[in-house]
Structure formats: C-alpha cells, structure tokens
Amino acid sequence: MNDYNYSACIANVDKYDSGSDEGVWVDFPIDEQDFNNVLTSIGIGSTDEYGAPYEEWFVVDQYCDLKGFT
C-alpha cells in the first residue's frame, strides 16, 4: 500500500479537441481490467459520427500528495 495518494483525470483526445471537457478521475494503482473499463467509459474503442475510431487518451490533470511531486 502506498503512503501517498495519486489520482489522474483521463480524457479522450479527440473528444477533448472537439470541445468536450469530459474526463474521468482515476485513483492509482488500478488493475488492467478496471483501467480498460475507464477507457471504455470515455469512448476509447468506439467510433465518432464519421466512423473514425477513438484511440487516444491523455492525462488532463493529476493530483498527488507526495511531497515534492508536481
């Protein structure tokens, strides 16, 4: 168990670039299945209205209470 907290806001790149400020806060560590569920929840693996796949995600923001971590 960590003696600090780390969380990150994960978002879909294409949706974000289109003006959506939707993101999902994730507490780490996280297992692979739960992380895949997060990606699915932001649209990764689905397609846009033109049939192009959503494939990229990024960290919009992060939080960590570990001293010196920025």
PDB file of N, CA and C in Angstrom:
ATOM      1  N   MET A   1       0.843  -1.179   0.000  1.00  0.00           N
ATOM      2  CA  MET A   1       0.000   0.000   0.000  1.00  0.00           C
ATOM      3  C   MET A   1       0.889   1.243   0.000  1.00  0.00           C
ATOM      4  N   ASN A   2       0.504   2.222  -0.820  1.00  0.00           N
ATOM      5  CA  ASN A   2       1.253   3.474  -0.891  1.00  0.00           C
ATOM      6  C   ASN A   2       0.994   4.327   0.346  1.00  0.00           C
ATOM      7  N   ASP A   3       1.985   5.122   0.718  1.00  0.00           N
ATOM      8  CA  ASP A   3       1.774   6.064   1.809  1.00  0.00           C
ATOM      9  C   ASP A   3       1.475   7.464   1.261  1.00  0.00           C
ATOM     10  N   TYR A   4       1.035   7.520   0.021  1.00  0.00           N
ATOM     11  CA  TYR A   4       0.613   8.758  -0.624  1.00  0.00           C
ATOM     12  C   TYR A   4      -0.531   8.432  -1.583  1.00  0.00           C
ATOM     13  N   ASN A   5      -1.215   9.478  -2.042  1.00  0.00           N
ATOM     14  CA  ASN A   5      -2.319   9.307  -2.978  1.00  0.00           C
ATOM     15  C   ASN A   5      -1.933   9.863  -4.335  1.00  0.00           C
ATOM     16  N   TYR A   6      -2.261   9.140  -5.398  1.00  0.00           N
ATOM     17  CA  TYR A   6      -2.058   9.627  -6.759  1.00  0.00           C
ATOM     18  C   TYR A   6      -3.339   9.377  -7.543  1.00  0.00           C
ATOM     19  N   SER A   7      -3.853  10.423  -8.150  1.00  0.00           N
ATOM     20  CA  SER A   7      -5.040  10.350  -8.996  1.00  0.00           C
ATOM     21  C   SER A   7      -4.769  11.145 -10.262  1.00  0.00           C
ATOM     22  N   ALA A   8      -5.404  10.736 -11.348  1.00  0.00           N
ATOM     23  CA  ALA A   8      -5.257  11.448 -12.609  1.00  0.00           C
ATOM     24  C   ALA A   8      -6.608  11.506 -13.312  1.00  0.00           C
ATOM     25  N   CYS A   9      -6.845  12.605 -14.006  1.00  0.00           N
ATOM     26  CA  CYS A   9      -8.046  12.756 -14.812  1.00  0.00           C
ATOM     27  C   CYS A   9      -7.689  12.340 -16.235  1.00  0.00           C
ATOM     28  N   ILE A  10      -8.346  11.288 -16.731  1.00  0.00           N
ATOM     29  CA  ILE A  10      -8.077  10.717 -18.046  1.00  0.00           C
ATOM     30  C   ILE A  10      -9.186  11.166 -19.000  1.00  0.00           C
ATOM     31  N   ALA A  11      -8.806  11.596 -20.216  1.00  0.00           N
ATOM     32  CA  ALA A  11      -9.802  12.041 -21.193  1.00  0.00           C
ATOM     33  C   ALA A  11      -9.483  11.494 -22.581  1.00  0.00           C
ATOM     34  N   ASN A  12     -10.503  11.464 -23.413  1.00  0.00           N
ATOM     35  CA  ASN A  12     -10.409  11.055 -24.806  1.00  0.00           C
ATOM     36  C   ASN A  12      -9.867  12.244 -25.604  1.00  0.00           C
ATOM     37  N   VAL A  13      -8.736  12.076 -26.305  1.00  0.00           N
ATOM     38  CA  VAL A  13      -8.083  13.171 -27.032  1.00  0.00           C
ATOM     39  C   VAL A  13      -9.021  13.815 -28.052  1.00  0.00           C
ATOM     40  N   ASP A  14      -9.644  13.010 -28.900  1.00  0.00           N
ATOM     41  CA  ASP A  14     -10.489  13.560 -29.959  1.00  0.00           C
ATOM     42  C   ASP A  14     -11.715  14.280 -29.414  1.00  0.00           C
ATOM     43  N   LYS A  15     -12.340  13.718 -28.388  1.00  0.00           N
ATOM     44  CA  LYS A  15     -13.498  14.384 -27.791  1.00  0.00           C
ATOM     45  C   LYS A  15     -13.058  15.685 -27.125  1.00  0.00           C
ATOM     46  N   TYR A  16     -11.925  15.669 -26.455  1.00  0.00           N
ATOM     47  CA  TYR A  16     -11.406  16.862 -25.793  1.00  0.00           C
ATOM     48  C   TYR A  16     -11.112  17.949 -26.822  1.00  0.00           C
ATOM     49  N   ASP A  17     -10.476  17.551 -27.942  1.00  0.00           N
ATOM     50  CA  ASP A  17     -10.163  18.507 -29.007  1.00  0.00           C
ATOM     51  C   ASP A  17     -11.420  19.082 -29.653  1.00  0.00           C
ATOM     52  N   SER A  18     -12.523  18.353 -29.568  1.00  0.00           N
ATOM     53  CA  SER A  18     -13.798  18.811 -30.130  1.00  0.00           C
ATOM     54  C   SER A  18     -14.600  19.665 -29.147  1.00  0.00           C
ATOM     55  N   GLY A  19     -14.038  19.926 -27.969  1.00  0.00           N
ATOM     56  CA  GLY A  19     -14.688  20.806 -27.012  1.00  0.00           C
ATOM     57  C   GLY A  19     -15.296  20.137 -25.800  1.00  0.00           C
ATOM     58  N   SER A  20     -15.235  18.814 -25.722  1.00  0.00           N
ATOM     59  CA  SER A  20     -15.768  18.129 -24.559  1.00  0.00           C
ATOM     60  C   SER A  20     -14.759  18.218 -23.423  1.00  0.00           C
ATOM     61  N   ASP A  21     -15.209  18.657 -22.268  1.00  0.00           N
ATOM     62  CA  ASP A  21     -14.304  18.718 -21.121  1.00  0.00           C
ATOM     63  C   ASP A  21     -14.519  17.523 -20.204  1.00  0.00           C
ATOM     64  N   GLU A  22     -15.119  16.492 -20.756  1.00  0.00           N
ATOM     65  CA  GLU A  22     -15.419  15.269 -20.005  1.00  0.00           C
ATOM     66  C   GLU A  22     -14.149  14.472 -19.733  1.00  0.00           C
ATOM     67  N   GLY A  23     -13.947  14.129 -18.506  1.00  0.00           N
ATOM     68  CA  GLY A  23     -12.821  13.288 -18.104  1.00  0.00           C
ATOM     69  C   GLY A  23     -13.226  12.438 -16.922  1.00  0.00           C
ATOM     70  N   VAL A  24     -12.441  11.431 -16.628  1.00  0.00           N
ATOM     71  CA  VAL A  24     -12.727  10.524 -15.526  1.00  0.00           C
ATOM     72  C   VAL A  24     -11.535  10.533 -14.573  1.00  0.00           C
ATOM     73  N   TRP A  25     -11.797  10.806 -13.292  1.00  0.00           N
ATOM     74  CA  TRP A  25     -10.741  10.742 -12.291  1.00  0.00           C
ATOM     75  C   TRP A  25     -10.501   9.290 -11.903  1.00  0.00           C
ATOM     76  N   VAL A  26      -9.228   8.906 -11.911  1.00  0.00           N
ATOM     77  CA  VAL A  26      -8.831   7.531 -11.615  1.00  0.00           C
ATOM     78  C   VAL A  26      -7.833   7.558 -10.463  1.00  0.00           C
ATOM     79  N   ASP A  27      -8.068   6.720  -9.464  1.00  0.00           N
ATOM     80  CA  ASP A  27      -7.129   6.557  -8.360  1.00  0.00           C
ATOM     81  C   ASP A  27      -6.180   5.411  -8.694  1.00  0.00           C
ATOM     82  N   PHE A  28      -4.901   5.650  -8.525  1.00  0.00           N
ATOM     83  CA  PHE A  28      -3.889   4.630  -8.795  1.00  0.00           C
ATOM     84  C   PHE A  28      -3.335   4.095  -7.492  1.00  0.00           C
ATOM     85  N   PRO A  29      -2.897   2.842  -7.467  1.00  0.00           N
ATOM     86  CA  PRO A  29      -2.817   1.912  -8.592  1.00  0.00           C
ATOM     87  C   PRO A  29      -4.195   1.402  -8.994  1.00  0.00           C
ATOM     88  N   ILE A  30      -4.268   0.919 -10.238  1.00  0.00           N
ATOM     89  CA  ILE A  30      -5.510   0.378 -10.786  1.00  0.00           C
ATOM     90  C   ILE A  30      -5.145  -0.863 -11.600  1.00  0.00           C
ATOM     91  N   ASP A  31      -6.006  -1.865 -11.579  1.00  0.00           N
ATOM     92  CA  ASP A  31      -5.671  -3.062 -12.351  1.00  0.00           C
ATOM     93  C   ASP A  31      -6.086  -2.876 -13.820  1.00  0.00           C
ATOM     94  N   GLU A  32      -5.608  -3.767 -14.676  1.00  0.00           N
ATOM     95  CA  GLU A  32      -5.798  -3.627 -16.111  1.00  0.00           C
ATOM     96  C   GLU A  32      -7.277  -3.628 -16.510  1.00  0.00           C
ATOM     97  N   GLN A  33      -8.064  -4.512 -15.940  1.00  0.00           N
ATOM     98  CA  GLN A  33      -9.493  -4.575 -16.289  1.00  0.00           C
ATOM     99  C   GLN A  33     -10.211  -3.284 -15.911  1.00  0.00           C
ATOM    100  N   ASP A  34      -9.941  -2.778 -14.723  1.00  0.00           N
ATOM    101  CA  ASP A  34     -10.577  -1.534 -14.305  1.00  0.00           C
ATOM    102  C   ASP A  34     -10.137  -0.365 -15.188  1.00  0.00           C
ATOM    103  N   PHE A  35      -8.859  -0.343 -15.578  1.00  0.00           N
ATOM    104  CA  PHE A  35      -8.384   0.727 -16.456  1.00  0.00           C
ATOM    105  C   PHE A  35      -9.030   0.616 -17.835  1.00  0.00           C
ATOM    106  N   ASN A  36      -9.191  -0.602 -18.349  1.00  0.00           N
ATOM    107  CA  ASN A  36      -9.891  -0.785 -19.623  1.00  0.00           C
ATOM    108  C   ASN A  36     -11.332  -0.297 -19.527  1.00  0.00           C
ATOM    109  N   ASN A  37     -11.959  -0.505 -18.383  1.00  0.00           N
ATOM    110  CA  ASN A  37     -13.320   0.000 -18.167  1.00  0.00           C
ATOM    111  C   ASN A  37     -13.353   1.526 -18.192  1.00  0.00           C
ATOM    112  N   VAL A  38     -12.337   2.157 -17.623  1.00  0.00           N
ATOM    113  CA  VAL A  38     -12.237   3.620 -17.659  1.00  0.00           C
ATOM    114  C   VAL A  38     -12.126   4.087 -19.111  1.00  0.00           C
ATOM    115  N   LEU A  39     -11.248   3.435 -19.884  1.00  0.00           N
ATOM    116  CA  LEU A  39     -11.084   3.826 -21.288  1.00  0.00           C
ATOM    117  C   LEU A  39     -12.383   3.665 -22.063  1.00  0.00           C
ATOM    118  N   THR A  40     -13.084   2.577 -21.820  1.00  0.00           N
ATOM    119  CA  THR A  40     -14.378   2.367 -22.479  1.00  0.00           C
ATOM    120  C   THR A  40     -15.359   3.474 -22.095  1.00  0.00           C
ATOM    121  N   SER A  41     -15.345   3.885 -20.840  1.00  0.00           N
ATOM    122  CA  SER A  41     -16.287   4.900 -20.369  1.00  0.00           C
ATOM    123  C   SER A  41     -16.055   6.266 -21.010  1.00  0.00           C
ATOM    124  N   ILE A  42     -14.837   6.533 -21.510  1.00  0.00           N
ATOM    125  CA  ILE A  42     -14.571   7.802 -22.194  1.00  0.00           C
ATOM    126  C   ILE A  42     -14.607   7.635 -23.719  1.00  0.00           C
ATOM    127  N   GLY A  43     -15.021   6.475 -24.188  1.00  0.00           N
ATOM    128  CA  GLY A  43     -15.242   6.280 -25.612  1.00  0.00           C
ATOM    129  C   GLY A  43     -14.119   5.620 -26.383  1.00  0.00           C
ATOM    130  N   ILE A  44     -13.015   5.277 -25.719  1.00  0.00           N
ATOM    131  CA  ILE A  44     -11.923   4.611 -26.417  1.00  0.00           C
ATOM    132  C   ILE A  44     -12.425   3.240 -26.883  1.00  0.00           C
ATOM    133  N   GLY A  45     -12.217   2.964 -28.169  1.00  0.00           N
ATOM    134  CA  GLY A  45     -12.702   1.720 -28.749  1.00  0.00           C
ATOM    135  C   GLY A  45     -13.996   1.889 -29.535  1.00  0.00           C
ATOM    136  N   SER A  46     -14.674   3.021 -29.335  1.00  0.00           N
ATOM    137  CA  SER A  46     -15.879   3.294 -30.121  1.00  0.00           C
ATOM    138  C   SER A  46     -15.503   4.195 -31.301  1.00  0.00           C
ATOM    139  N   THR A  47     -16.484   4.620 -32.071  1.00  0.00           N
ATOM    140  CA  THR A  47     -16.207   5.464 -33.235  1.00  0.00           C
ATOM    141  C   THR A  47     -16.993   6.764 -33.153  1.00  0.00           C
ATOM    142  N   ASP A  48     -16.490   7.773 -33.860  1.00  0.00           N
ATOM    143  CA  ASP A  48     -17.192   9.053 -33.920  1.00  0.00           C
ATOM    144  C   ASP A  48     -18.303   8.988 -34.973  1.00  0.00           C
ATOM    145  N   GLU A  49     -18.970  10.118 -35.229  1.00  0.00           N
ATOM    146  CA  GLU A  49     -20.098  10.133 -36.161  1.00  0.00           C
ATOM    147  C   GLU A  49     -19.708   9.855 -37.611  1.00  0.00           C
ATOM    148  N   TYR A  50     -18.399   9.901 -37.911  1.00  0.00           N
ATOM    149  CA  TYR A  50     -17.915   9.610 -39.265  1.00  0.00           C
ATOM    150  C   TYR A  50     -17.325   8.208 -39.375  1.00  0.00           C
ATOM    151  N   GLY A  51     -17.361   7.460 -38.296  1.00  0.00           N
ATOM    152  CA  GLY A  51     -16.846   6.098 -38.293  1.00  0.00           C
ATOM    153  C   GLY A  51     -15.372   5.977 -37.937  1.00  0.00           C
ATOM    154  N   ALA A  52     -14.732   7.104 -37.599  1.00  0.00           N
ATOM    155  CA  ALA A  52     -13.313   7.070 -37.210  1.00  0.00           C
ATOM    156  C   ALA A  52     -13.207   6.596 -35.760  1.00  0.00           C
ATOM    157  N   PRO A  53     -12.270   5.706 -35.490  1.00  0.00           N
ATOM    158  CA  PRO A  53     -12.160   5.179 -34.128  1.00  0.00           C
ATOM    159  C   PRO A  53     -11.542   6.183 -33.148  1.00  0.00           C
ATOM    160  N   TYR A  54     -12.054   6.150 -31.926  1.00  0.00           N
ATOM    161  CA  TYR A  54     -11.425   6.876 -30.824  1.00  0.00           C
ATOM    162  C   TYR A  54     -10.350   5.954 -30.270  1.00  0.00           C
ATOM    163  N   GLU A  55      -9.082   6.392 -30.324  1.00  0.00           N
ATOM    164  CA  GLU A  55      -7.981   5.535 -29.906  1.00  0.00           C
ATOM    165  C   GLU A  55      -7.054   6.161 -28.868  1.00  0.00           C
ATOM    166  N   GLU A  56      -7.009   7.474 -28.806  1.00  0.00           N
ATOM    167  CA  GLU A  56      -6.024   8.134 -27.952  1.00  0.00           C
ATOM    168  C   GLU A  56      -6.651   8.731 -26.700  1.00  0.00           C
ATOM    169  N   TRP A  57      -5.921   8.604 -25.607  1.00  0.00           N
ATOM    170  CA  TRP A  57      -6.331   9.192 -24.349  1.00  0.00           C
ATOM    171  C   TRP A  57      -5.133   9.922 -23.762  1.00  0.00           C
ATOM    172  N   PHE A  58      -5.386  10.804 -22.795  1.00  0.00           N
ATOM    173  CA  PHE A  58      -4.293  11.516 -22.141  1.00  0.00           C
ATOM    174  C   PHE A  58      -4.689  11.931 -20.735  1.00  0.00           C
ATOM    175  N   VAL A  59      -3.695  12.327 -19.971  1.00  0.00           N
ATOM    176  CA  VAL A  59      -3.918  12.800 -18.607  1.00  0.00           C
ATOM    177  C   VAL A  59      -4.155  14.312 -18.666  1.00  0.00           C
ATOM    178  N   VAL A  60      -5.365  14.724 -18.292  1.00  0.00           N
ATOM    179  CA  VAL A  60      -5.745  16.131 -18.309  1.00  0.00           C
ATOM    180  C   VAL A  60      -5.194  16.850 -17.080  1.00  0.00           C
ATOM    181  N   ASP A  61      -5.278  16.187 -15.951  1.00  0.00           N
ATOM    182  CA  ASP A  61      -4.869  16.775 -14.674  1.00  0.00           C
ATOM    183  C   ASP A  61      -4.443  15.635 -13.761  1.00  0.00           C
ATOM    184  N   GLN A  62      -3.729  15.966 -12.724  1.00  0.00           N
ATOM    185  CA  GLN A  62      -3.304  14.936 -11.778  1.00  0.00           C
ATOM    186  C   GLN A  62      -3.211  15.514 -10.386  1.00  0.00           C
ATOM    187  N   TYR A  63      -3.262  14.637  -9.421  1.00  0.00           N
ATOM    188  CA  TYR A  63      -3.131  15.009  -8.014  1.00  0.00           C
ATOM    189  C   TYR A  63      -2.276  13.974  -7.317  1.00  0.00           C
ATOM    190  N   CYS A  64      -1.342  14.473  -6.526  1.00  0.00           N
ATOM    191  CA  CYS A  64      -0.529  13.581  -5.694  1.00  0.00           C
ATOM    192  C   CYS A  64      -0.134  14.358  -4.446  1.00  0.00           C
ATOM    193  N   ASP A  65      -0.313  13.730  -3.299  1.00  0.00           N
ATOM    194  CA  ASP A  65       0.055  14.404  -2.058  1.00  0.00           C
ATOM    195  C   ASP A  65       1.462  14.034  -1.576  1.00  0.00           C
ATOM    196  N   LEU A  66       2.262  13.423  -2.440  1.00  0.00           N
ATOM    197  CA  LEU A  66       3.647  13.098  -2.125  1.00  0.00           C
ATOM    198  C   LEU A  66       4.453  14.396  -2.168  1.00  0.00           C
ATOM    199  N   LYS A  67       5.090  14.735  -1.093  1.00  0.00           N
ATOM    200  CA  LYS A  67       5.847  15.985  -1.005  1.00  0.00           C
ATOM    201  C   LYS A  67       6.894  16.055  -2.114  1.00  0.00           C
ATOM    202  N   GLY A  68       6.889  17.167  -2.840  1.00  0.00           N
ATOM    203  CA  GLY A  68       7.849  17.389  -3.922  1.00  0.00           C
ATOM    204  C   GLY A  68       7.384  16.906  -5.276  1.00  0.00           C
ATOM    205  N   PHE A  69       6.239  16.201  -5.337  1.00  0.00           N
ATOM    206  CA  PHE A  69       5.720  15.716  -6.613  1.00  0.00           C
ATOM    207  C   PHE A  69       4.888  16.816  -7.257  1.00  0.00           C
ATOM    208  N   THR A  70       5.172  17.116  -8.507  1.00  0.00           N
ATOM    209  CA  THR A  70       4.374  18.131  -9.208  1.00  0.00           C
ATOM    210  C   THR A  70       3.906  17.614 -10.528  1.00  0.00           C
TER     211      THR A  70
END
